[in-house]
Amino acid sequence: MKTFKEYLTESKKVYNFKIKVAGELPESFQENLKTSLGRCGVSKLTKISTTPIQALPLDFPNHPNTEVHVFEVICDYPVTAPELATDVKALGLAETSFRIRGIDEDSESPLVEPTETALLDEAEYKDLKIKHKDYFGDDFNKSFLKDLDKAAKARKKEGVQTEYKLPKGKTDKNCTKSALGS
């Protein structure tokens, strides 16, 4: 049987976060960050990466043409992202220049402004420019069947057997004869 101390060491939980900082970092930022987060029991603070300078970095629409530094923080004590944000603000960073996310949170997506509205949102399709002849009617059906025939001939040359054939016969202008034969 396990002792109570063994159960406690097995049930140790850690809290993982990613801290992203836009722009240039001040001198010894990483050490200052670790000391300011000391009350959270930081067991690990590492700089994961630095992105190249981007025109519009993810999560930082107000900071164009900057690089983003990404840190991973592992805390031993239960803490939330807003609590960590107050400690990072104490370092003198503006709220818009950093983001804190849990390690399990979904990654960010680029901020895209919708330039067009969906056609279903409009009551009338004013700017809808579709040539119905290209998608509907006898001419479309004839060209579609010709394309199928060309594809069947190409498969036949390759040695693949087709299971369908187009009916041979004269076109009936009065639509009195069946296309399948009579």
N, C-alpha and C. Protein backbone atom coordinates (compact mmCIF):
# COMPACT_ATOMS: atom_id res chain seq x y z
N MET A 1 0.84 -1.17 0.00
CA MET A 1 0.00 0.00 0.00
C MET A 1 0.89 1.24 0.00
N LYS A 2 0.47 2.26 -0.77
CA LYS A 2 1.25 3.48 -0.88
C LYS A 2 1.00 4.37 0.33
N THR A 3 2.02 5.15 0.61
CA THR A 3 1.88 6.11 1.70
C THR A 3 1.22 7.37 1.17
N PHE A 4 0.78 8.21 2.08
CA PHE A 4 0.13 9.47 1.71
C PHE A 4 1.10 10.37 0.94
N LYS A 5 2.37 10.35 1.32
CA LYS A 5 3.38 11.17 0.66
C LYS A 5 3.56 10.74 -0.79
N GLU A 6 3.49 9.44 -1.07
CA GLU A 6 3.62 8.96 -2.44
C GLU A 6 2.43 9.39 -3.29
N TYR A 7 1.23 9.34 -2.70
CA TYR A 7 0.04 9.80 -3.42
C TYR A 7 0.15 11.28 -3.77
N LEU A 8 0.68 12.08 -2.85
CA LEU A 8 0.83 13.50 -3.11
C LEU A 8 1.82 13.77 -4.23
N THR A 9 2.93 13.06 -4.24
CA THR A 9 3.92 13.31 -5.29
C THR A 9 3.42 12.84 -6.65
N GLU A 10 2.59 11.79 -6.68
CA GLU A 10 2.02 11.34 -7.94
C GLU A 10 0.98 12.31 -8.48
N SER A 11 0.27 12.97 -7.62
CA SER A 11 -0.81 13.85 -8.06
C SER A 11 -0.36 15.28 -8.26
N LYS A 12 0.93 15.50 -8.38
CA LYS A 12 1.43 16.85 -8.60
C LYS A 12 0.97 17.36 -9.96
N LYS A 13 0.39 18.53 -9.97
CA LYS A 13 -0.13 19.12 -11.19
C LYS A 13 0.66 20.38 -11.51
N VAL A 14 0.93 20.57 -12.79
CA VAL A 14 1.63 21.77 -13.22
C VAL A 14 0.70 22.57 -14.14
N TYR A 15 0.97 23.85 -14.26
CA TYR A 15 0.16 24.77 -15.05
C TYR A 15 1.04 25.39 -16.12
N ASN A 16 0.73 25.10 -17.38
CA ASN A 16 1.54 25.54 -18.51
C ASN A 16 0.90 26.73 -19.21
N PHE A 17 1.74 27.69 -19.58
CA PHE A 17 1.28 28.88 -20.29
C PHE A 17 2.30 29.25 -21.36
N LYS A 18 1.82 29.97 -22.37
CA LYS A 18 2.69 30.59 -23.36
C LYS A 18 2.51 32.09 -23.24
N ILE A 19 3.61 32.79 -23.14
CA ILE A 19 3.59 34.25 -23.08
C ILE A 19 4.22 34.75 -24.37
N LYS A 20 3.48 35.57 -25.10
CA LYS A 20 3.98 36.15 -26.34
C LYS A 20 4.16 37.64 -26.13
N VAL A 21 5.32 38.13 -26.51
CA VAL A 21 5.64 39.55 -26.36
C VAL A 21 6.03 40.10 -27.72
N ALA A 22 5.36 41.18 -28.13
CA ALA A 22 5.64 41.81 -29.42
C ALA A 22 6.67 42.91 -29.24
N GLY A 23 7.57 43.01 -30.19
CA GLY A 23 8.56 44.08 -30.18
C GLY A 23 9.86 43.65 -29.53
N GLU A 24 10.74 44.64 -29.38
CA GLU A 24 12.04 44.36 -28.76
C GLU A 24 11.88 44.20 -27.26
N LEU A 25 12.69 43.30 -26.71
CA LEU A 25 12.64 43.07 -25.27
C LEU A 25 13.69 43.92 -24.56
N PRO A 26 13.36 44.39 -23.36
CA PRO A 26 14.36 45.13 -22.59
C PRO A 26 15.49 44.20 -22.12
N GLU A 27 16.55 44.80 -21.64
CA GLU A 27 17.69 44.03 -21.13
C GLU A 27 17.25 43.10 -20.01
N SER A 28 17.76 41.90 -20.00
CA SER A 28 17.49 40.86 -18.99
C SER A 28 16.00 40.69 -18.72
N PHE A 29 15.20 40.68 -19.77
CA PHE A 29 13.76 40.54 -19.63
C PHE A 29 13.38 39.17 -19.07
N GLN A 30 14.06 38.14 -19.54
CA GLN A 30 13.71 36.78 -19.12
C GLN A 30 13.95 36.58 -17.62
N GLU A 31 15.05 37.11 -17.10
CA GLU A 31 15.33 36.98 -15.67
C GLU A 31 14.32 37.79 -14.84
N ASN A 32 14.00 38.99 -15.31
CA ASN A 32 13.01 39.82 -14.60
C ASN A 32 11.63 39.17 -14.63
N LEU A 33 11.29 38.52 -15.74
CA LEU A 33 10.02 37.83 -15.84
C LEU A 33 9.96 36.67 -14.85
N LYS A 34 11.04 35.95 -14.74
CA LYS A 34 11.06 34.81 -13.83
C LYS A 34 10.93 35.26 -12.37
N THR A 35 11.57 36.36 -12.02
CA THR A 35 11.46 36.84 -10.64
C THR A 35 10.07 37.41 -10.36
N SER A 36 9.46 38.08 -11.35
CA SER A 36 8.12 38.64 -11.10
C SER A 36 7.07 37.54 -11.02
N LEU A 37 7.30 36.42 -11.68
CA LEU A 37 6.37 35.30 -11.62
C LEU A 37 6.75 34.31 -10.50
N GLY A 38 7.68 34.69 -9.65
CA GLY A 38 8.16 33.80 -8.59
C GLY A 38 7.07 33.38 -7.62
N ARG A 39 6.10 34.21 -7.39
CA ARG A 39 5.03 33.87 -6.44
C ARG A 39 4.17 32.71 -6.97
N CYS A 40 4.24 32.43 -8.27
CA CYS A 40 3.46 31.35 -8.87
C CYS A 40 4.21 30.03 -8.84
N GLY A 41 5.40 30.03 -8.32
CA GLY A 41 6.19 28.81 -8.27
C GLY A 41 6.65 28.37 -9.64
N VAL A 42 7.32 29.26 -10.36
CA VAL A 42 7.77 28.94 -11.71
C VAL A 42 8.87 27.89 -11.64
N SER A 43 8.60 26.73 -12.22
CA SER A 43 9.61 25.68 -12.25
C SER A 43 10.41 25.72 -13.53
N LYS A 44 9.83 26.30 -14.57
CA LYS A 44 10.55 26.37 -15.84
C LYS A 44 10.07 27.59 -16.62
N LEU A 45 11.02 28.35 -17.12
CA LEU A 45 10.73 29.49 -17.99
C LEU A 45 11.75 29.46 -19.11
N THR A 46 11.30 29.15 -20.30
CA THR A 46 12.20 29.07 -21.45
C THR A 46 11.66 29.89 -22.60
N LYS A 47 12.59 30.42 -23.37
CA LYS A 47 12.22 31.14 -24.58
C LYS A 47 12.15 30.11 -25.70
N ILE A 48 10.96 29.92 -26.23
CA ILE A 48 10.76 28.90 -27.26
C ILE A 48 11.26 29.39 -28.61
N SER A 49 10.80 30.57 -29.01
CA SER A 49 11.16 31.04 -30.34
C SER A 49 10.97 32.55 -30.45
N THR A 50 11.49 33.06 -31.53
CA THR A 50 11.26 34.44 -31.93
C THR A 50 10.87 34.41 -33.39
N THR A 51 9.70 34.96 -33.70
CA THR A 51 9.25 34.95 -35.09
C THR A 51 10.00 36.02 -35.88
N PRO A 52 10.10 35.84 -37.18
CA PRO A 52 10.68 36.91 -37.99
C PRO A 52 9.73 38.11 -38.00
N ILE A 53 10.25 39.22 -38.43
CA ILE A 53 9.42 40.43 -38.50
C ILE A 53 8.31 40.20 -39.52
N GLN A 54 7.07 40.45 -39.07
CA GLN A 54 5.91 40.22 -39.92
C GLN A 54 5.14 41.53 -40.09
N ALA A 55 4.49 41.66 -41.22
CA ALA A 55 3.71 42.87 -41.48
C ALA A 55 2.56 42.99 -40.49
N LEU A 56 1.89 41.89 -40.20
CA LEU A 56 0.79 41.88 -39.24
C LEU A 56 0.90 40.59 -38.42
N PRO A 57 1.62 40.63 -37.29
CA PRO A 57 1.79 39.41 -36.51
C PRO A 57 0.48 38.94 -35.89
N LEU A 58 0.36 37.63 -35.73
CA LEU A 58 -0.83 37.05 -35.11
C LEU A 58 -0.96 37.57 -33.69
N ASP A 59 -2.16 37.85 -33.28
CA ASP A 59 -2.49 38.35 -31.94
C ASP A 59 -2.09 39.80 -31.69
N PHE A 60 -1.37 40.41 -32.60
CA PHE A 60 -0.91 41.78 -32.38
C PHE A 60 -1.22 42.66 -33.59
N PRO A 61 -2.50 42.97 -33.80
CA PRO A 61 -2.85 43.79 -34.97
C PRO A 61 -2.39 45.25 -34.83
N ASN A 62 -2.14 45.69 -33.61
CA ASN A 62 -1.72 47.08 -33.39
C ASN A 62 -0.21 47.25 -33.45
N HIS A 63 0.51 46.18 -33.72
CA HIS A 63 1.98 46.24 -33.78
C HIS A 63 2.46 45.72 -35.14
N PRO A 64 2.31 46.52 -36.19
CA PRO A 64 2.78 46.04 -37.50
C PRO A 64 4.30 46.06 -37.59
N ASN A 65 4.82 45.18 -38.41
CA ASN A 65 6.25 45.09 -38.70
C ASN A 65 7.09 44.89 -37.44
N THR A 66 6.70 43.93 -36.62
CA THR A 66 7.47 43.61 -35.42
C THR A 66 7.67 42.11 -35.34
N GLU A 67 8.60 41.73 -34.48
CA GLU A 67 8.82 40.33 -34.20
C GLU A 67 8.11 39.97 -32.91
N VAL A 68 7.83 38.68 -32.71
CA VAL A 68 7.14 38.22 -31.52
C VAL A 68 8.01 37.18 -30.82
N HIS A 69 8.24 37.39 -29.52
CA HIS A 69 9.02 36.46 -28.70
C HIS A 69 8.05 35.57 -27.93
N VAL A 70 8.29 34.26 -27.96
CA VAL A 70 7.39 33.30 -27.33
C VAL A 70 8.13 32.61 -26.18
N PHE A 71 7.52 32.67 -24.99
CA PHE A 71 8.07 32.03 -23.80
C PHE A 71 7.11 30.95 -23.32
N GLU A 72 7.67 29.86 -22.80
CA GLU A 72 6.86 28.83 -22.17
C GLU A 72 7.11 28.90 -20.67
N VAL A 73 6.02 28.94 -19.90
CA VAL A 73 6.11 29.05 -18.44
C VAL A 73 5.40 27.84 -17.84
N ILE A 74 6.07 27.16 -16.91
CA ILE A 74 5.46 26.05 -16.18
C ILE A 74 5.45 26.44 -14.71
N CYS A 75 4.24 26.53 -14.15
CA CYS A 75 4.07 26.93 -12.75
C CYS A 75 3.63 25.72 -11.91
N ASP A 76 4.10 25.70 -10.67
CA ASP A 76 3.72 24.63 -9.76
C ASP A 76 2.42 24.94 -9.03
N TYR A 77 2.12 26.22 -8.84
CA TYR A 77 0.93 26.62 -8.09
C TYR A 77 -0.21 26.94 -9.06
N PRO A 78 -1.45 26.73 -8.62
CA PRO A 78 -2.58 27.06 -9.51
C PRO A 78 -2.64 28.56 -9.78
N VAL A 79 -2.64 28.89 -11.04
CA VAL A 79 -2.64 30.29 -11.45
C VAL A 79 -3.39 30.39 -12.78
N THR A 80 -3.96 31.55 -13.04
CA THR A 80 -4.68 31.77 -14.30
C THR A 80 -3.93 32.79 -15.14
N ALA A 81 -4.32 32.87 -16.40
CA ALA A 81 -3.67 33.80 -17.32
C ALA A 81 -3.83 35.26 -16.89
N PRO A 82 -5.02 35.70 -16.39
CA PRO A 82 -5.12 37.10 -15.95
C PRO A 82 -4.21 37.41 -14.75
N GLU A 83 -3.99 36.44 -13.88
CA GLU A 83 -3.06 36.68 -12.76
C GLU A 83 -1.64 36.85 -13.26
N LEU A 84 -1.27 36.04 -14.25
CA LEU A 84 0.07 36.20 -14.82
C LEU A 84 0.19 37.54 -15.55
N ALA A 85 -0.91 38.00 -16.15
CA ALA A 85 -0.88 39.26 -16.88
C ALA A 85 -0.58 40.43 -15.95
N THR A 86 -1.09 40.40 -14.74
CA THR A 86 -0.79 41.49 -13.80
C THR A 86 0.69 41.52 -13.45
N ASP A 87 1.30 40.34 -13.34
CA ASP A 87 2.73 40.29 -13.05
C ASP A 87 3.56 40.78 -14.23
N VAL A 88 3.13 40.47 -15.44
CA VAL A 88 3.86 40.92 -16.63
C VAL A 88 3.71 42.43 -16.80
N LYS A 89 2.51 42.97 -16.49
CA LYS A 89 2.31 44.42 -16.56
C LYS A 89 3.22 45.14 -15.59
N ALA A 90 3.52 44.51 -14.45
CA ALA A 90 4.40 45.12 -13.46
C ALA A 90 5.81 45.31 -14.00
N LEU A 91 6.16 44.59 -15.05
CA LEU A 91 7.48 44.76 -15.67
C LEU A 91 7.54 46.00 -16.56
N GLY A 92 6.41 46.65 -16.77
CA GLY A 92 6.38 47.88 -17.56
C GLY A 92 5.92 47.68 -18.99
N LEU A 93 5.38 46.52 -19.31
CA LEU A 93 4.88 46.28 -20.66
C LEU A 93 3.43 46.73 -20.77
N ALA A 94 3.08 47.25 -21.92
CA ALA A 94 1.70 47.65 -22.17
C ALA A 94 0.85 46.41 -22.41
N GLU A 95 -0.43 46.50 -22.11
CA GLU A 95 -1.33 45.34 -22.28
C GLU A 95 -1.41 44.88 -23.72
N THR A 96 -1.26 45.79 -24.66
CA THR A 96 -1.39 45.41 -26.07
C THR A 96 -0.13 44.75 -26.62
N SER A 97 0.96 44.77 -25.86
CA SER A 97 2.21 44.21 -26.38
C SER A 97 2.49 42.79 -25.91
N PHE A 98 1.58 42.17 -25.14
CA PHE A 98 1.79 40.78 -24.77
C PHE A 98 0.46 40.03 -24.70
N ARG A 99 0.54 38.72 -24.87
CA ARG A 99 -0.62 37.83 -24.77
C ARG A 99 -0.20 36.61 -23.95
N ILE A 100 -1.11 36.14 -23.11
CA ILE A 100 -0.86 34.94 -22.32
C ILE A 100 -1.96 33.95 -22.61
N ARG A 101 -1.57 32.75 -23.00
CA ARG A 101 -2.52 31.69 -23.30
C ARG A 101 -2.10 30.42 -22.57
N GLY A 102 -3.11 29.64 -22.20
CA GLY A 102 -2.83 28.32 -21.65
C GLY A 102 -2.28 27.43 -22.75
N ILE A 103 -1.49 26.45 -22.38
CA ILE A 103 -0.86 25.59 -23.39
C ILE A 103 -1.91 24.76 -24.14
N ASP A 104 -3.06 24.51 -23.49
CA ASP A 104 -4.11 23.70 -24.11
C ASP A 104 -5.08 24.52 -24.94
N GLU A 105 -4.99 25.83 -24.89
CA GLU A 105 -5.90 26.68 -25.65
C GLU A 105 -5.57 26.59 -27.13
N ASP A 106 -6.60 26.79 -27.95
CA ASP A 106 -6.41 26.73 -29.39
C ASP A 106 -5.44 27.81 -29.83
N SER A 107 -4.70 27.50 -30.86
CA SER A 107 -3.78 28.49 -31.37
C SER A 107 -4.57 29.60 -32.05
N GLU A 108 -3.95 30.72 -32.15
CA GLU A 108 -4.62 31.89 -32.70
C GLU A 108 -4.77 31.75 -34.19
N SER A 109 -5.71 32.49 -34.73
CA SER A 109 -5.92 32.52 -36.17
C SER A 109 -5.71 33.94 -36.64
N PRO A 110 -5.30 34.11 -37.89
CA PRO A 110 -5.08 35.46 -38.37
C PRO A 110 -6.36 36.28 -38.36
N LEU A 111 -6.21 37.55 -38.10
CA LEU A 111 -7.36 38.44 -38.10
C LEU A 111 -7.63 38.87 -39.54
N VAL A 112 -8.73 38.40 -40.08
CA VAL A 112 -9.07 38.71 -41.45
C VAL A 112 -10.38 39.49 -41.44
N GLU A 113 -10.34 40.62 -42.04
CA GLU A 113 -11.54 41.44 -42.16
C GLU A 113 -12.35 40.94 -43.34
N PRO A 114 -13.63 40.65 -43.14
CA PRO A 114 -14.43 40.21 -44.28
C PRO A 114 -14.64 41.36 -45.26
N THR A 115 -14.25 41.14 -46.50
CA THR A 115 -14.37 42.20 -47.49
C THR A 115 -15.68 42.09 -48.26
N GLU A 116 -16.24 40.90 -48.34
CA GLU A 116 -17.48 40.72 -49.06
C GLU A 116 -18.48 40.03 -48.16
N THR A 117 -19.74 40.27 -48.43
CA THR A 117 -20.77 39.59 -47.67
C THR A 117 -21.20 38.34 -48.45
N ALA A 118 -21.76 37.39 -47.75
CA ALA A 118 -22.23 36.18 -48.39
C ALA A 118 -23.46 36.48 -49.23
N LEU A 119 -23.61 35.74 -50.31
CA LEU A 119 -24.76 35.96 -51.18
C LEU A 119 -26.07 35.64 -50.48
N LEU A 120 -26.04 34.74 -49.53
CA LEU A 120 -27.27 34.40 -48.83
C LEU A 120 -27.74 35.51 -47.91
N ASP A 121 -26.86 36.43 -47.57
CA ASP A 121 -27.25 37.55 -46.72
C ASP A 121 -28.03 38.62 -47.49
N GLU A 122 -27.95 38.59 -48.80
CA GLU A 122 -28.63 39.59 -49.61
C GLU A 122 -30.03 39.11 -49.97
N ALA A 123 -30.97 40.02 -49.97
CA ALA A 123 -32.35 39.66 -50.33
C ALA A 123 -32.46 39.43 -51.84
N GLU A 124 -31.77 40.23 -52.63
CA GLU A 124 -31.77 40.08 -54.08
C GLU A 124 -30.33 39.96 -54.55
N TYR A 125 -30.12 39.11 -55.52
CA TYR A 125 -28.78 38.92 -56.05
C TYR A 125 -28.55 39.94 -57.17
N LYS A 126 -28.08 41.12 -56.79
CA LYS A 126 -27.91 42.18 -57.77
C LYS A 126 -26.70 41.96 -58.66
N ASP A 127 -25.58 41.60 -58.06
CA ASP A 127 -24.33 41.49 -58.81
C ASP A 127 -24.04 40.07 -59.27
N LEU A 128 -25.03 39.23 -59.26
CA LEU A 128 -24.85 37.85 -59.64
C LEU A 128 -24.75 37.76 -61.16
N LYS A 129 -23.62 37.38 -61.67
CA LYS A 129 -23.39 37.33 -63.11
C LYS A 129 -23.07 35.89 -63.52
N ILE A 130 -24.12 35.11 -63.71
CA ILE A 130 -23.95 33.71 -64.12
C ILE A 130 -24.59 33.55 -65.49
N LYS A 131 -23.86 32.93 -66.39
CA LYS A 131 -24.42 32.60 -67.69
C LYS A 131 -25.07 31.23 -67.56
N HIS A 132 -26.37 31.21 -67.59
CA HIS A 132 -27.10 29.97 -67.38
C HIS A 132 -26.83 28.95 -68.47
N LYS A 133 -26.45 29.39 -69.65
CA LYS A 133 -26.14 28.45 -70.74
C LYS A 133 -24.92 27.60 -70.40
N ASP A 134 -24.04 28.12 -69.55
CA ASP A 134 -22.84 27.37 -69.19
C ASP A 134 -23.13 26.23 -68.21
N TYR A 135 -24.26 26.25 -67.55
CA TYR A 135 -24.55 25.27 -66.51
C TYR A 135 -25.85 24.51 -66.71
N PHE A 136 -26.75 24.99 -67.57
CA PHE A 136 -28.07 24.39 -67.72
C PHE A 136 -28.45 24.33 -69.18
N GLY A 137 -29.43 23.47 -69.51
CA GLY A 137 -30.02 23.45 -70.83
C GLY A 137 -29.47 22.38 -71.73
N ASP A 138 -30.02 22.32 -72.94
CA ASP A 138 -29.67 21.28 -73.90
C ASP A 138 -28.22 21.39 -74.36
N ASP A 139 -27.75 22.61 -74.60
CA ASP A 139 -26.37 22.78 -75.05
C ASP A 139 -25.38 22.28 -74.00
N PHE A 140 -25.65 22.57 -72.75
CA PHE A 140 -24.78 22.09 -71.68
C PHE A 140 -24.80 20.57 -71.60
N ASN A 141 -26.00 19.99 -71.70
CA ASN A 141 -26.12 18.53 -71.63
C ASN A 141 -25.37 17.86 -72.78
N LYS A 142 -25.49 18.41 -73.99
CA LYS A 142 -24.79 17.83 -75.15
C LYS A 142 -23.28 17.90 -74.95
N SER A 143 -22.79 19.06 -74.50
CA SER A 143 -21.34 19.18 -74.30
C SER A 143 -20.87 18.27 -73.16
N PHE A 144 -21.72 18.09 -72.16
CA PHE A 144 -21.36 17.20 -71.05
C PHE A 144 -21.25 15.76 -71.54
N LEU A 145 -22.22 15.33 -72.37
CA LEU A 145 -22.17 13.98 -72.91
C LEU A 145 -20.98 13.79 -73.84
N LYS A 146 -20.62 14.81 -74.61
CA LYS A 146 -19.44 14.72 -75.47
C LYS A 146 -18.18 14.57 -74.62
N ASP A 147 -18.11 15.31 -73.52
CA ASP A 147 -16.95 15.19 -72.63
C ASP A 147 -16.86 13.80 -72.02
N LEU A 148 -18.02 13.23 -71.67
CA LEU A 148 -18.03 11.87 -71.14
C LEU A 148 -17.56 10.87 -72.19
N ASP A 149 -17.99 11.08 -73.44
CA ASP A 149 -17.59 10.20 -74.53
C ASP A 149 -16.07 10.27 -74.75
N LYS A 150 -15.51 11.49 -74.70
CA LYS A 150 -14.06 11.66 -74.86
C LYS A 150 -13.31 10.95 -73.73
N ALA A 151 -13.84 11.08 -72.52
CA ALA A 151 -13.20 10.43 -71.37
C ALA A 151 -13.27 8.92 -71.49
N ALA A 152 -14.40 8.39 -72.00
CA ALA A 152 -14.54 6.95 -72.18
C ALA A 152 -13.58 6.44 -73.24
N LYS A 153 -13.42 7.19 -74.33
CA LYS A 153 -12.47 6.78 -75.37
C LYS A 153 -11.04 6.81 -74.86
N ALA A 154 -10.73 7.80 -74.03
CA ALA A 154 -9.38 7.87 -73.45
C ALA A 154 -9.12 6.69 -72.53
N ARG A 155 -10.14 6.30 -71.76
CA ARG A 155 -9.99 5.12 -70.87
C ARG A 155 -9.86 3.84 -71.68
N LYS A 156 -10.59 3.78 -72.78
CA LYS A 156 -10.54 2.59 -73.62
C LYS A 156 -9.15 2.41 -74.21
N LYS A 157 -8.51 3.54 -74.61
CA LYS A 157 -7.15 3.47 -75.13
C LYS A 157 -6.17 2.99 -74.06
N GLU A 158 -6.44 3.36 -72.80
CA GLU A 158 -5.57 2.94 -71.70
C GLU A 158 -5.85 1.50 -71.29
N GLY A 159 -6.94 0.93 -71.78
CA GLY A 159 -7.27 -0.45 -71.46
C GLY A 159 -8.28 -0.61 -70.35
N VAL A 160 -8.89 0.45 -69.91
CA VAL A 160 -9.90 0.39 -68.87
C VAL A 160 -11.26 0.24 -69.53
N GLN A 161 -12.02 -0.79 -69.11
CA GLN A 161 -13.33 -1.04 -69.70
C GLN A 161 -14.38 -0.11 -69.10
N THR A 162 -15.18 0.50 -69.95
CA THR A 162 -16.27 1.36 -69.48
C THR A 162 -17.56 0.57 -69.47
N GLU A 163 -18.49 0.97 -68.64
CA GLU A 163 -19.74 0.25 -68.50
C GLU A 163 -20.91 0.97 -69.17
N TYR A 164 -20.68 2.08 -69.81
CA TYR A 164 -21.78 2.82 -70.42
C TYR A 164 -21.40 3.21 -71.84
N LYS A 165 -22.42 3.38 -72.65
CA LYS A 165 -22.21 3.85 -74.03
C LYS A 165 -23.29 4.86 -74.34
N LEU A 166 -22.95 5.82 -75.16
CA LEU A 166 -23.92 6.82 -75.57
C LEU A 166 -24.81 6.24 -76.66
N PRO A 167 -26.08 6.57 -76.63
CA PRO A 167 -26.97 6.06 -77.68
C PRO A 167 -26.63 6.68 -79.02
N LYS A 168 -26.66 5.83 -80.06
CA LYS A 168 -26.40 6.32 -81.39
C LYS A 168 -27.74 6.50 -82.09
N GLY A 169 -27.89 7.54 -82.75
CA GLY A 169 -29.14 7.77 -83.47
C GLY A 169 -29.24 9.22 -83.87
N LYS A 170 -30.26 9.49 -84.59
CA LYS A 170 -30.48 10.84 -85.06
C LYS A 170 -31.19 11.63 -83.99
N THR A 171 -30.95 12.90 -83.99
CA THR A 171 -31.64 13.75 -83.02
C THR A 171 -33.08 13.93 -83.45
N ASP A 172 -33.95 13.91 -82.49
CA ASP A 172 -35.37 14.04 -82.76
C ASP A 172 -35.80 15.45 -82.38
N LYS A 173 -36.13 16.26 -83.37
CA LYS A 173 -36.50 17.64 -83.10
C LYS A 173 -37.88 17.75 -82.48
N ASN A 174 -38.74 16.80 -82.73
CA ASN A 174 -40.10 16.85 -82.19
C ASN A 174 -40.21 16.13 -80.85
N CYS A 175 -39.13 15.48 -80.40
CA CYS A 175 -39.10 14.75 -79.13
C CYS A 175 -40.15 13.64 -79.11
N THR A 176 -40.30 12.93 -80.23
CA THR A 176 -41.28 11.84 -80.25
C THR A 176 -40.61 10.48 -80.07
N LYS A 177 -39.30 10.39 -80.26
CA LYS A 177 -38.60 9.13 -80.10
C LYS A 177 -37.84 9.12 -78.78
N SER A 178 -37.71 7.97 -78.21
CA SER A 178 -36.97 7.83 -76.97
C SER A 178 -35.49 7.80 -77.27
N ALA A 179 -34.69 8.37 -76.42
CA ALA A 179 -33.25 8.38 -76.61
C ALA A 179 -32.67 7.01 -76.40
N LEU A 180 -33.35 6.16 -75.66
CA LEU A 180 -32.85 4.83 -75.36
C LEU A 180 -33.22 3.82 -76.46
N GLY A 181 -34.03 4.20 -77.35
CA GLY A 181 -34.45 3.32 -78.44
C GLY A 181 -35.90 2.93 -78.28
N SER A 182 -36.52 2.54 -79.39
CA SER A 182 -37.91 2.13 -79.33
C SER A 182 -38.19 1.01 -80.29
